[in-house]
Structure formats: structure tokens, C-alpha cells
Amino acid sequence: MTLVSVFRSHFSTVIFRRFGRLISSTTTTTTSTSGSTQLNTPMSVTMDRPIPNGDRSKLLHFSSRLHDGRALAQDVWSIYNAANLPPDCINLGQGYMNFPPPSWVTDAANEALKQTLPNHYSHPKGRIRLRQAIKNFYEASFNRSLDVETEILVTSGANEGQYSVFTAFLEQGDEVIMFEPFFDQYLPSVTFNGGKPVYVPLHPNLEGDRPNSSEWRIDFDELRRSITPRAKMIIINTPHNPVGKVFTKEELEKIAVIAEEFNLLVMADEVYDCLLYDGKDHVRFANLPGMWDRTVTVLSAGKAFAATGWRVGWLIGPESIIQPTLAACTRIVFCTNSPLQEAVATGLEQARSRGFFEKQVEEYQERRDVLLSAFDRVGLKYSLPEGTYFVLVDISRVNFSEDYPFPESVQGRGRDFKACWFIAMEIGVSSIPVSEFYCKEHCNIGESYARFSFCKDIDTLRQAGERLQALSKYIS
């Protein structure tokens, strides 16, 4: 036997024995940060012991990161799914439209499908026509010239763009600060990439007759206390889902000071930048002094053109952030849907000349006001949204019997889960419980609210508003 073969034999034996001792069979039941029970699973398997009773159902075991990211918990989207609700229930829970994108954008998609090149792979950076359209459309609002080769990256939706940033920059144990309530995809995207979420709640104030989403405020002392030497990133979502808050320049400047002091990478999730109401101005975080070099801005065609299923988004930032993110993105999806990139390019190229975004804001503001008038009539308070297409409604005064036949999926969770189920079943309008967007320690803040979306046509919103009047008999 040669020296090499002896070494291989010895090395294989040592590794097998040590590995077998290190990973022993353990079955666990865990509770997610939102309090929901998750799947029972053995987290590992003993290699030096036969499988009992020939049971092969647990041969392969998934990663613990699925637990950490709440991926195994039954989420609100499956609980309040149309399949679980009355067939005529009006869905104001999920944030997708019941109307199509503008016809001139879908016509461009159809034209792209008839051509040869747009039906094949695009460059991982994105199709050059779309990158050029992004440059031309956004340069004015970023107050700078944008390089299509190094400062713009087209992604498979805003969510994949965010995921690629986390992949590119997070090391195991790096902390990511997120404001609660948070967009639910942040959590698994952070934890799947080794990050640790750090939660800082926005504090609501619903005093007075007409509360405003601007009154959900950051406690900046609390924010500072949350920062440790492991802090790597902070996520800012403005306009904010689900609150509808548009962060003020003063608030963003205070965050900028903290980001500079602690050398934080800033993810500015600005996908709702085209949906602001009542003359409210959007402040780009990257435009604040010194922030361009540490900020990646996330944007979305789905929100801009009512095409959430197209999954086309883009990132804008300095080369030092975009290039590592491109390396990650290339390995995750390689490239984004080619023909729909062409259609989105058409959208951005023609939006100004058509006055598209100005008209769209007027339409959404009308939708918002139709829904809010229904809550005014029935006597429920809400936080007036300054942006996005969501409104948080105070449902703490909605009464229901504790012996109401609630499904197991809402048991043991925040009161808002039961209230939203009750409203869907008895009133025929679905919404989303806001405690889902909090960690377990802070979910009491969110369980007074339900999120209703108004990205629906006017007739649907009026019909929902009429149904909501029946809530009056359940309000204390």
C-alpha cells in the first residue's frame, strides 16, 4: 500500500468517526419570533447507527436557517389565502393589484416576445436599454450622473436585489438593524445569509381625531442603544410598508449621522418612491451629505407600473456596493427576465412624456380616500398614509367572542390574527394582521392594527367600504 493510499484511508476513517459523533439525531419543536409553532424536525442524523424500523422519511434534514428565518412557520399569506376564506371575500390584505399594467407597457412586452434577442439571456447587469432608461430617468432625482456599467444593477425583483446585497456583504453574525413593523422578506433574507436581525420599533401615536402615519416615530436613543460592534447594515424603508410613513429629511439626517459614526452599509428600500400623496416629498437617502458612498437604493418596476408579477427591480449605488452585489446576483439568478426588461425600459422612457406617474398618484389617492371614508363612517381610527398603497387601521375596538370557531392557524398568535379572521369571515373583507411584521418581544405594538391595501379598482374599494359598515355592531 502506498503512502498516499494509507493517508487517504486513515483520513477517511477519522473524518467519518468524528463526523458521526458530532451530528447526533435530535428532534426539535421550535417557536418562531412571532410566536407560531414551526415544523418538528430532526436537525441532524447519526451516521454510525441504523435507521430504526426502516423509517426513511427523515434521511435528509434541512438547514436550521429555515427556522431562524421563520420560513417554516405558517405565514399570514397562507393563512389569509383566498382558498381559506369565503369565496366572495374581497381581498384587501395582499398588496397586488386587480387591474393590469398600462397598455403601452404590456404592448412593449408583447413586441419584445416577437423578437429573437429579448427571448434569450441578458447580461447579468441587466439589458443595456433598461440600464440606460434607468440612468436617464433617475439621474435628476439622485442629483448626479449614473454610470450604466458600474452603478446600476437590474435584478429579479427588488427582493432578489436585496438578497444579493445581503449575500455580498454579510458575514456570519453580522447584525442588520431593521425598523418595525418590517417588510417580512427582510428577516429570512438576512438570516439565510448569516446575519442577525436587530429590531427597533417605530412608536405610534394615534391620539387626536386624524392620526397620521408620520406619527410613527423613531426613538433615536433606542436606535443608538441597539448598535453593537457587530452592526453591519441598517435598512430604511421609505415610503414605509406597512405604515405608509414617509420619513422626513430631519429623521433621515439623524440616521445618516449614526450610519457614518458606526460605518454602516445603508439599504434604502424606496420601492414606493412613486406613490406619495398630499404633495409629500420623497427624500432620497443617498443624496444626503456623505451617504452616496455607503447606500444602495432599491427600486421596483412592479410598484411603478402595477406589474408585481414581472419581478423586475434595480439597484442604484456606488461601484463599491454594486460590483460585489453583481457577483452574488450572477450566481443566484444569473440574469433577469429579458422581454420584460424591454417592456420596463419602454415604461421609463415614456413615463414623463405621458405624465404617467402624476396621473397614477391621483388615481391611487382617489382609491385611498374611498377606502378611508369607509373607516370614517364606521368609526375606526387609522394612520393616514402619506405613501405606499397600505393603511393601518386600529382594530382594537372590534369585539368577537372567544369561542368563535377560529382555525388552529391563528391560535396562540396576536389578537390581530383573530380580529382579521373574524372580519374576513363575518364582513367579507380580508386584511393582514400587523403583529406578523414584528419580533416576538414587540408584537404587542402591532396587534392593535390590521393592514388594508387600496391597490384595487374603485368599484372593488367601494364594495369593500359598504361591507365594512357592518362592523359597527361589533365595535365597542
Protein backbone atom coordinates (compact mmCIF):
# COMPACT_ATOMS: atom_id res chain seq x y z
CA MET A 1 0.00 0.00 0.00
CA THR A 2 1.42 3.38 -0.95
CA LEU A 3 1.87 6.23 1.50
CA VAL A 4 -0.86 8.18 -0.29
CA SER A 5 -3.39 5.34 -0.01
CA VAL A 6 -2.57 4.84 3.68
CA PHE A 7 -3.12 8.55 4.32
CA ARG A 8 -6.42 8.52 2.43
CA SER A 9 -7.67 5.51 4.37
CA HIS A 10 -6.68 6.96 7.75
CA PHE A 11 -8.07 10.41 6.89
CA SER A 12 -11.43 8.98 5.73
CA THR A 13 -11.79 6.89 8.90
CA VAL A 14 -11.05 9.83 11.21
CA ILE A 15 -13.44 12.16 9.40
CA PHE A 16 -16.23 9.57 9.36
CA ARG A 17 -15.90 8.83 13.08
CA ARG A 18 -15.66 12.44 14.14
CA PHE A 19 -18.50 13.48 11.89
CA GLY A 20 -20.67 10.67 13.21
CA ARG A 21 -20.07 11.77 16.80
CA LEU A 22 -20.60 15.45 16.06
CA ILE A 23 -24.01 15.15 14.44
CA SER A 24 -26.42 13.21 16.60
CA SER A 25 -30.09 12.73 15.92
CA THR A 26 -32.19 15.46 17.57
CA THR A 27 -35.85 16.17 17.04
CA THR A 28 -36.91 19.69 17.93
CA THR A 29 -40.06 21.76 18.10
CA THR A 30 -39.41 25.48 17.89
CA THR A 31 -41.44 28.63 18.24
CA SER A 32 -40.86 31.43 15.76
CA THR A 33 -40.20 35.02 16.80
CA SER A 34 -43.84 35.76 16.09
CA GLY A 35 -44.96 33.03 18.49
CA SER A 36 -46.11 30.49 15.89
CA THR A 37 -45.26 26.82 16.21
CA GLN A 38 -42.98 25.53 13.49
CA LEU A 39 -42.34 22.15 11.97
CA ASN A 40 -40.89 19.38 14.13
CA THR A 41 -37.70 18.11 12.58
CA PRO A 42 -34.53 16.24 13.42
CA MET A 43 -31.77 18.74 12.85
CA SER A 44 -29.13 16.05 12.19
CA VAL A 45 -28.62 12.31 11.85
CA THR A 46 -26.30 9.79 13.49
CA MET A 47 -24.13 8.14 10.86
CA ASP A 48 -22.97 5.09 12.83
CA ARG A 49 -26.41 3.73 13.74
CA PRO A 50 -29.01 2.00 11.54
CA ILE A 51 -32.29 3.77 10.83
CA PRO A 52 -34.92 2.46 13.31
CA ASN A 53 -37.77 0.41 11.82
CA GLY A 54 -36.53 1.17 8.36
CA ASP A 55 -38.04 4.69 8.54
CA ARG A 56 -36.61 6.60 5.60
CA SER A 57 -38.77 9.72 5.98
CA LYS A 58 -36.05 11.56 7.89
CA LEU A 59 -32.96 10.60 5.96
CA LEU A 60 -32.32 14.16 4.79
CA HIS A 61 -32.55 17.16 7.03
CA PHE A 62 -32.92 20.77 6.13
CA SER A 63 -30.86 23.66 7.40
CA SER A 64 -31.52 25.39 10.72
CA ARG A 65 -31.60 28.69 8.81
CA LEU A 66 -35.17 27.84 7.78
CA HIS A 67 -36.14 28.02 11.44
CA ASP A 68 -34.23 31.24 12.09
CA GLY A 69 -35.87 32.97 9.12
CA ARG A 70 -39.45 31.90 10.01
CA ALA A 71 -39.54 30.07 6.68
CA LEU A 72 -41.20 27.03 8.24
CA ALA A 73 -43.88 28.91 10.14
CA GLN A 74 -47.28 29.23 8.52
CA ASP A 75 -47.26 32.85 7.44
CA VAL A 76 -50.06 35.34 7.01
CA TRP A 77 -50.13 34.94 3.24
CA SER A 78 -51.10 31.28 3.53
CA ILE A 79 -53.48 31.77 6.49
CA TYR A 80 -55.42 34.60 4.83
CA ASN A 81 -55.26 32.96 1.43
CA ALA A 82 -58.35 33.06 -0.77
CA ALA A 83 -58.59 29.27 -0.50
CA ASN A 84 -59.19 29.58 3.26
CA LEU A 85 -61.71 32.43 3.12
CA PRO A 86 -65.28 32.74 1.83
CA PRO A 87 -65.33 32.65 -1.99
CA ASP A 88 -66.82 36.16 -2.21
CA CYS A 89 -64.40 37.69 0.32
CA ILE A 90 -62.80 40.91 -1.01
CA ASN A 91 -59.02 40.66 -0.68
CA LEU A 92 -57.62 43.90 0.72
CA GLY A 93 -54.85 42.04 2.51
CA GLN A 94 -52.25 41.26 -0.11
CA GLY A 95 -50.58 44.09 -1.95
CA TYR A 96 -51.26 43.14 -5.53
CA MET A 97 -53.45 44.97 -8.00
CA ASN A 98 -56.68 43.74 -9.56
CA PHE A 99 -56.04 45.88 -12.64
CA PRO A 100 -53.41 45.49 -15.38
CA PRO A 101 -50.26 47.50 -16.09
CA PRO A 102 -50.67 50.34 -18.58
CA SER A 103 -51.42 49.02 -22.06
CA TRP A 104 -48.47 50.78 -23.69
CA VAL A 105 -46.14 48.88 -21.33
CA THR A 106 -47.77 45.48 -21.90
CA ASP A 107 -47.76 46.18 -25.66
CA ALA A 108 -43.99 46.64 -25.39
CA ALA A 109 -43.74 43.27 -23.62
CA ASN A 110 -45.67 41.61 -26.45
CA GLU A 111 -43.42 43.24 -29.04
CA ALA A 112 -40.31 42.04 -27.21
CA LEU A 113 -41.64 38.47 -27.22
CA LYS A 114 -41.89 38.57 -31.01
CA GLN A 115 -38.17 39.40 -31.37
CA THR A 116 -35.28 36.98 -31.09
CA LEU A 117 -32.70 38.55 -28.79
CA PRO A 118 -35.08 39.52 -25.92
CA ASN A 119 -36.05 35.85 -25.60
CA HIS A 120 -32.54 34.82 -24.59
CA TYR A 121 -30.12 35.51 -21.76
CA SER A 122 -29.49 39.12 -20.85
CA HIS A 123 -26.25 40.45 -19.40
CA PRO A 124 -26.21 39.84 -15.61
CA LYS A 125 -26.06 43.61 -15.12
CA GLY A 126 -29.35 43.96 -16.99
CA ARG A 127 -30.19 44.78 -20.59
CA ILE A 128 -28.34 47.88 -21.69
CA ARG A 129 -31.53 49.56 -22.92
CA LEU A 130 -33.10 49.25 -19.46
CA ARG A 131 -29.95 50.39 -17.69
CA GLN A 132 -29.82 53.42 -19.96
CA ALA A 133 -33.51 54.13 -19.28
CA ILE A 134 -32.86 53.90 -15.51
CA LYS A 135 -29.92 56.29 -15.88
CA ASN A 136 -31.97 58.83 -17.84
CA PHE A 137 -34.99 58.61 -15.54
CA TYR A 138 -33.22 58.72 -12.16
CA GLU A 139 -30.19 60.95 -12.64
CA ALA A 140 -32.17 64.09 -11.83
CA SER A 141 -33.57 62.69 -8.59
CA PHE A 142 -30.13 61.44 -7.48
CA ASN A 143 -28.50 64.77 -8.36
CA ARG A 144 -25.66 63.01 -10.13
CA SER A 145 -24.64 61.28 -13.34
CA LEU A 146 -25.10 57.50 -13.12
CA ASP A 147 -22.75 55.01 -14.78
CA VAL A 148 -24.73 52.24 -16.51
CA GLU A 149 -21.78 49.85 -16.21
CA THR A 150 -20.87 50.24 -12.56
CA GLU A 151 -23.68 51.99 -10.64
CA ILE A 152 -26.89 50.30 -11.88
CA LEU A 153 -27.85 46.64 -11.49
CA VAL A 154 -31.09 45.11 -12.79
CA THR A 155 -32.42 42.36 -10.50
CA SER A 156 -35.19 39.76 -10.49
CA GLY A 157 -37.48 41.96 -8.44
CA ALA A 158 -36.47 44.26 -5.61
CA ASN A 159 -36.48 41.31 -3.22
CA GLU A 160 -33.78 39.41 -5.12
CA GLY A 161 -31.74 42.59 -5.32
CA GLN A 162 -31.87 42.93 -1.55
CA TYR A 163 -30.98 39.27 -1.11
CA SER A 164 -27.95 39.68 -3.33
CA VAL A 165 -26.75 42.64 -1.25
CA PHE A 166 -27.00 40.55 1.91
CA THR A 167 -25.13 37.70 0.22
CA ALA A 168 -22.40 40.06 -0.93
CA PHE A 169 -21.81 41.85 2.36
CA LEU A 170 -22.89 39.83 5.40
CA GLU A 171 -20.54 37.63 7.39
CA GLN A 172 -21.82 35.13 9.94
CA GLY A 173 -23.17 37.01 12.96
CA ASP A 174 -23.21 40.46 11.35
CA GLU A 175 -26.12 42.49 12.68
CA VAL A 176 -28.72 44.18 10.47
CA ILE A 177 -30.91 46.89 12.01
CA MET A 178 -34.49 46.99 10.79
CA PHE A 179 -37.36 49.20 11.87
CA GLU A 180 -40.57 47.52 12.97
CA PRO A 181 -43.01 46.85 11.52
CA PHE A 182 -40.77 45.46 8.77
CA PHE A 183 -41.36 44.00 5.31
CA ASP A 184 -41.49 40.29 6.10
CA GLN A 185 -38.95 39.22 3.46
CA TYR A 186 -36.16 41.13 5.23
CA LEU A 187 -35.94 38.56 8.03
CA PRO A 188 -35.29 35.36 6.04
CA SER A 189 -33.08 37.22 3.56
CA VAL A 190 -30.88 38.38 6.44
CA THR A 191 -30.77 35.11 8.37
CA PHE A 192 -30.26 32.91 5.29
CA ASN A 193 -27.07 34.89 4.68
CA GLY A 194 -25.75 34.52 8.23
CA GLY A 195 -26.97 37.88 9.51
CA LYS A 196 -28.65 38.60 12.82
CA PRO A 197 -31.67 40.94 12.78
CA VAL A 198 -31.79 43.74 15.35
CA TYR A 199 -35.27 45.20 15.78
CA VAL A 200 -36.00 48.86 16.50
CA PRO A 201 -39.74 49.62 16.65
CA LEU A 202 -41.43 52.71 15.32
CA HIS A 203 -43.61 54.08 18.11
CA PRO A 204 -47.16 55.01 17.04
CA ASN A 205 -49.28 57.85 18.33
CA LEU A 206 -52.98 57.59 17.49
CA GLU A 207 -54.15 60.43 19.67
CA GLY A 208 -56.44 63.03 18.13
CA ASP A 209 -59.16 62.74 15.53
CA ARG A 210 -56.95 62.33 12.46
CA PRO A 211 -53.75 60.39 13.29
CA ASN A 212 -51.06 60.48 10.60
CA SER A 213 -48.51 57.87 9.58
CA SER A 214 -45.81 60.48 10.24
CA GLU A 215 -46.57 59.99 13.94
CA TRP A 216 -44.95 56.55 13.91
CA ARG A 217 -41.60 57.75 15.23
CA ILE A 218 -38.08 56.52 15.87
CA ASP A 219 -36.68 56.74 19.39
CA PHE A 220 -33.14 57.71 18.38
CA ASP A 221 -31.72 56.90 21.82
CA GLU A 222 -33.20 53.43 21.44
CA LEU A 223 -31.67 53.18 17.96
CA ARG A 224 -28.23 54.08 19.30
CA ARG A 225 -28.51 51.54 22.11
CA SER A 226 -29.28 48.84 19.57
CA ILE A 227 -25.93 49.23 17.81
CA THR A 228 -23.13 46.87 18.82
CA PRO A 229 -19.65 46.26 17.38
CA ARG A 230 -21.24 43.56 15.14
CA ALA A 231 -23.62 46.04 13.46
CA LYS A 232 -23.05 45.98 9.69
CA MET A 233 -26.18 47.31 7.99
CA ILE A 234 -29.35 49.31 8.52
CA ILE A 235 -32.49 49.06 6.36
CA ILE A 236 -34.58 52.17 5.76
CA ASN A 237 -37.92 51.71 4.01
CA THR A 238 -39.44 54.99 2.86
CA PRO A 239 -42.26 55.29 1.93
CA HIS A 240 -42.82 52.60 4.53
CA ASN A 241 -44.66 49.29 4.15
CA PRO A 242 -46.93 48.72 6.06
CA VAL A 243 -47.21 52.06 7.91
CA GLY A 244 -47.40 54.39 4.90
CA LYS A 245 -44.94 56.73 6.62
CA VAL A 246 -42.67 58.96 4.54
CA PHE A 247 -39.51 59.63 6.53
CA THR A 248 -38.69 63.31 6.88
CA LYS A 249 -35.37 64.82 5.91
CA GLU A 250 -34.69 65.51 9.58
CA GLU A 251 -35.26 61.86 10.50
CA LEU A 252 -33.07 60.64 7.66
CA GLU A 253 -30.30 63.09 8.57
CA LYS A 254 -30.23 61.69 12.11
CA ILE A 255 -29.95 58.17 10.72
CA ALA A 256 -27.17 59.36 8.40
CA VAL A 257 -25.15 60.64 11.36
CA ILE A 258 -25.45 57.24 13.03
CA ALA A 259 -24.58 55.39 9.81
CA GLU A 260 -21.43 57.48 9.41
CA GLU A 261 -20.44 57.17 13.06
CA PHE A 262 -20.74 53.37 13.10
CA ASN A 263 -19.72 52.77 9.46
CA LEU A 264 -23.00 51.09 8.47
CA LEU A 265 -24.00 49.98 4.99
CA VAL A 266 -27.42 51.51 4.31
CA MET A 267 -30.09 49.71 2.30
CA ALA A 268 -32.58 52.36 1.22
CA ASP A 269 -35.71 50.44 0.21
CA GLU A 270 -37.51 53.09 -1.83
CA VAL A 271 -39.74 50.89 -3.99
CA TYR A 272 -42.77 53.11 -3.27
CA ASP A 273 -40.98 56.33 -4.25
CA CYS A 274 -43.57 56.97 -6.98
CA LEU A 275 -46.56 56.72 -4.61
CA LEU A 276 -46.67 59.78 -2.33
CA TYR A 277 -49.82 61.76 -1.54
CA ASP A 278 -50.98 65.21 -0.49
CA GLY A 279 -47.92 66.87 -2.02
CA LYS A 280 -45.49 64.96 0.19
CA ASP A 281 -41.86 65.00 -0.99
CA HIS A 282 -39.64 61.92 -1.18
CA VAL A 283 -36.11 62.41 0.17
CA ARG A 284 -33.52 60.05 -1.27
CA PHE A 285 -31.25 58.85 1.49
CA ALA A 286 -28.32 58.52 -0.93
CA ASN A 287 -28.49 62.28 -1.59
CA LEU A 288 -27.71 63.26 2.00
CA PRO A 289 -24.15 64.50 2.59
CA GLY A 290 -21.68 61.60 2.59
CA MET A 291 -24.34 58.92 2.12
CA TRP A 292 -23.87 58.01 -1.56
CA ASP A 293 -20.72 56.01 -0.75
CA ARG A 294 -22.48 53.78 1.78
CA THR A 295 -26.02 53.49 0.33
CA VAL A 296 -27.66 51.07 -2.08
CA THR A 297 -31.12 52.23 -3.25
CA VAL A 298 -33.68 49.54 -4.09
CA LEU A 299 -36.40 50.24 -6.69
CA SER A 300 -39.14 48.23 -8.39
CA ALA A 301 -40.96 48.05 -11.71
CA GLY A 302 -43.72 46.06 -10.00
CA LYS A 303 -44.69 49.02 -7.84
CA ALA A 304 -44.01 51.62 -10.53
CA PHE A 305 -46.09 50.01 -13.29
CA ALA A 306 -48.60 47.81 -11.41
CA ALA A 307 -46.75 44.70 -12.55
CA THR A 308 -45.82 42.90 -9.34
CA GLY A 309 -45.60 39.51 -11.08
CA TRP A 310 -42.97 40.65 -13.56
CA ARG A 311 -40.23 40.53 -10.92
CA VAL A 312 -38.06 43.28 -12.34
CA GLY A 313 -36.24 45.62 -9.99
CA TRP A 314 -32.97 47.54 -9.88
CA LEU A 315 -30.30 48.77 -7.52
CA ILE A 316 -28.54 52.11 -7.74
CA GLY A 317 -25.39 52.81 -5.78
CA PRO A 318 -21.62 53.28 -5.89
CA GLU A 319 -19.39 50.78 -7.68
CA SER A 320 -18.06 49.57 -4.31
CA ILE A 321 -21.54 48.21 -3.48
CA ILE A 322 -22.90 47.34 -6.94
CA GLN A 323 -19.95 45.25 -8.14
CA PRO A 324 -19.86 42.79 -5.18
CA THR A 325 -23.65 42.57 -5.40
CA LEU A 326 -23.40 41.80 -9.12
CA ALA A 327 -21.03 38.93 -8.28
CA ALA A 328 -23.63 37.49 -5.88
CA CYS A 329 -26.58 38.17 -8.18
CA THR A 330 -24.88 36.43 -11.10
CA ARG A 331 -24.58 33.24 -9.02
CA ILE A 332 -28.13 33.44 -7.63
CA VAL A 333 -30.19 34.06 -10.80
CA PHE A 334 -27.58 34.92 -13.46
CA CYS A 335 -29.94 37.31 -15.21
CA THR A 336 -33.44 38.76 -15.10
CA ASN A 337 -36.41 38.10 -17.42
CA SER A 338 -35.29 39.55 -20.77
CA PRO A 339 -38.50 40.54 -22.62
CA LEU A 340 -39.98 42.20 -19.55
CA GLN A 341 -36.81 44.26 -19.14
CA GLU A 342 -37.52 45.65 -22.59
CA ALA A 343 -41.08 46.48 -21.55
CA VAL A 344 -39.94 48.23 -18.36
CA ALA A 345 -37.42 50.21 -20.39
CA THR A 346 -40.32 51.43 -22.55
CA GLY A 347 -42.19 52.38 -19.38
CA LEU A 348 -39.37 54.53 -18.05
CA GLU A 349 -38.61 56.03 -21.47
CA GLN A 350 -42.19 57.22 -21.98
CA ALA A 351 -43.40 57.88 -18.42
CA ARG A 352 -42.52 61.58 -18.37
CA SER A 353 -43.95 62.46 -21.76
CA ARG A 354 -47.18 60.66 -20.87
CA GLY A 355 -47.37 62.23 -17.40
CA PHE A 356 -47.82 58.68 -16.18
CA PHE A 357 -46.65 58.88 -12.58
CA GLU A 358 -48.55 62.11 -11.89
CA LYS A 359 -51.78 60.52 -13.14
CA GLN A 360 -51.08 57.32 -11.24
CA VAL A 361 -50.66 59.19 -7.95
CA GLU A 362 -54.00 60.94 -8.50
CA GLU A 363 -55.68 57.59 -9.12
CA TYR A 364 -54.14 55.98 -6.04
CA GLN A 365 -55.02 58.97 -3.88
CA GLU A 366 -58.65 58.61 -5.00
CA ARG A 367 -58.53 54.91 -4.13
CA ARG A 368 -57.04 55.72 -0.74
CA ASP A 369 -59.71 58.28 0.03
CA VAL A 370 -62.55 55.93 -0.99
CA LEU A 371 -61.34 53.30 1.47
CA LEU A 372 -60.58 55.77 4.26
CA SER A 373 -64.04 57.30 4.00
CA ALA A 374 -65.45 53.84 4.80
CA PHE A 375 -63.43 53.67 8.01
CA ASP A 376 -64.51 57.22 8.87
CA ARG A 377 -68.16 56.25 8.51
CA VAL A 378 -67.85 53.13 10.63
CA GLY A 379 -65.83 54.94 13.30
CA LEU A 380 -62.46 53.17 13.15
CA LYS A 381 -59.25 55.16 13.54
CA TYR A 382 -56.36 54.73 11.13
CA SER A 383 -52.96 56.26 10.42
CA LEU A 384 -53.40 58.44 7.35
CA PRO A 385 -50.86 57.04 4.85
CA GLU A 386 -48.56 59.56 3.20
CA GLY A 387 -47.26 56.98 0.71
CA THR A 388 -47.49 53.34 -0.49
CA TYR A 389 -50.89 51.69 -1.02
CA PHE A 390 -51.45 50.47 2.53
CA VAL A 391 -53.28 51.85 5.55
CA LEU A 392 -53.03 50.64 9.15
CA VAL A 393 -56.41 50.57 10.86
CA ASP A 394 -56.86 50.37 14.64
CA ILE A 395 -58.92 47.21 15.20
CA SER A 396 -58.50 47.09 18.99
CA ARG A 397 -62.18 48.06 19.44
CA VAL A 398 -63.51 45.25 17.24
CA ASN A 399 -65.16 42.70 19.56
CA PHE A 400 -65.64 39.00 18.94
CA SER A 401 -66.46 36.02 21.11
CA GLU A 402 -63.54 33.97 22.38
CA ASP A 403 -65.44 30.80 21.49
CA TYR A 404 -65.74 31.91 17.85
CA PRO A 405 -64.62 28.99 15.61
CA PHE A 406 -61.13 30.26 14.85
CA PRO A 407 -58.80 27.92 12.94
CA GLU A 408 -55.76 26.45 14.64
CA SER A 409 -53.50 28.64 12.48
CA VAL A 410 -54.48 31.83 14.37
CA GLN A 411 -54.46 30.34 17.87
CA GLY A 412 -51.65 31.47 20.15
CA ARG A 413 -50.81 34.47 17.99
CA GLY A 414 -51.60 38.17 18.41
CA ARG A 415 -55.17 39.33 18.92
CA ASP A 416 -54.98 40.92 15.48
CA PHE A 417 -54.81 37.46 13.87
CA LYS A 418 -58.23 36.63 15.34
CA ALA A 419 -59.66 40.05 14.55
CA CYS A 420 -58.59 39.85 10.90
CA TRP A 421 -60.01 36.34 10.59
CA PHE A 422 -63.27 37.44 12.19
CA ILE A 423 -63.58 40.46 9.85
CA ALA A 424 -62.87 38.30 6.80
CA MET A 425 -65.43 35.66 7.74
CA GLU A 426 -68.21 37.89 9.07
CA ILE A 427 -67.76 41.04 6.97
CA GLY A 428 -66.26 39.54 3.81
CA VAL A 429 -63.17 41.79 3.60
CA SER A 430 -59.71 40.37 4.26
CA SER A 431 -56.75 42.23 5.75
CA ILE A 432 -53.37 41.33 7.25
CA PRO A 433 -52.52 41.29 10.99
CA VAL A 434 -49.65 43.68 11.63
CA SER A 435 -48.04 41.74 14.50
CA GLU A 436 -46.65 39.43 11.78
CA PHE A 437 -44.18 42.22 10.97
CA TYR A 438 -42.68 42.33 14.48
CA CYS A 439 -40.39 40.20 16.60
CA LYS A 440 -42.00 38.33 19.49
CA GLU A 441 -40.85 40.90 22.05
CA HIS A 442 -42.51 43.81 20.23
CA CYS A 443 -45.56 42.17 18.63
CA ASN A 444 -47.86 43.76 21.24
CA ILE A 445 -47.30 47.07 19.42
CA GLY A 446 -48.63 45.65 16.17
CA GLU A 447 -51.56 43.59 17.38
CA SER A 448 -53.83 46.63 17.60
CA TYR A 449 -53.68 47.07 13.80
CA ALA A 450 -54.73 45.47 10.55
CA ARG A 451 -53.18 46.36 7.19
CA PHE A 452 -55.62 47.07 4.36
CA SER A 453 -54.40 47.64 0.81
CA PHE A 454 -56.04 50.03 -1.64
CA CYS A 455 -54.26 48.91 -4.83
CA LYS A 456 -57.65 47.83 -6.20
CA ASP A 457 -60.09 49.39 -8.63
CA ILE A 458 -62.57 51.94 -7.34
CA ASP A 459 -65.60 49.66 -7.64
CA THR A 460 -63.95 46.97 -5.53
CA LEU A 461 -62.98 49.50 -2.86
CA ARG A 462 -66.50 50.94 -2.76
CA GLN A 463 -67.96 47.47 -2.40
CA ALA A 464 -65.50 46.71 0.40
CA GLY A 465 -66.40 50.01 2.05
CA GLU A 466 -70.08 49.11 2.07
CA ARG A 467 -69.37 45.75 3.64
CA LEU A 468 -67.17 47.33 6.30
CA GLN A 469 -70.14 49.33 7.60
CA ALA A 470 -71.43 46.09 9.12
CA LEU A 471 -68.52 46.27 11.56
CA SER A 472 -70.38 48.93 13.54
CA LYS A 473 -72.29 46.31 15.51
CA TYR A 474 -69.02 44.74 16.69
CA ILE A 475 -67.28 47.97 17.75
CA SER A 476 -67.26 48.91 21.41
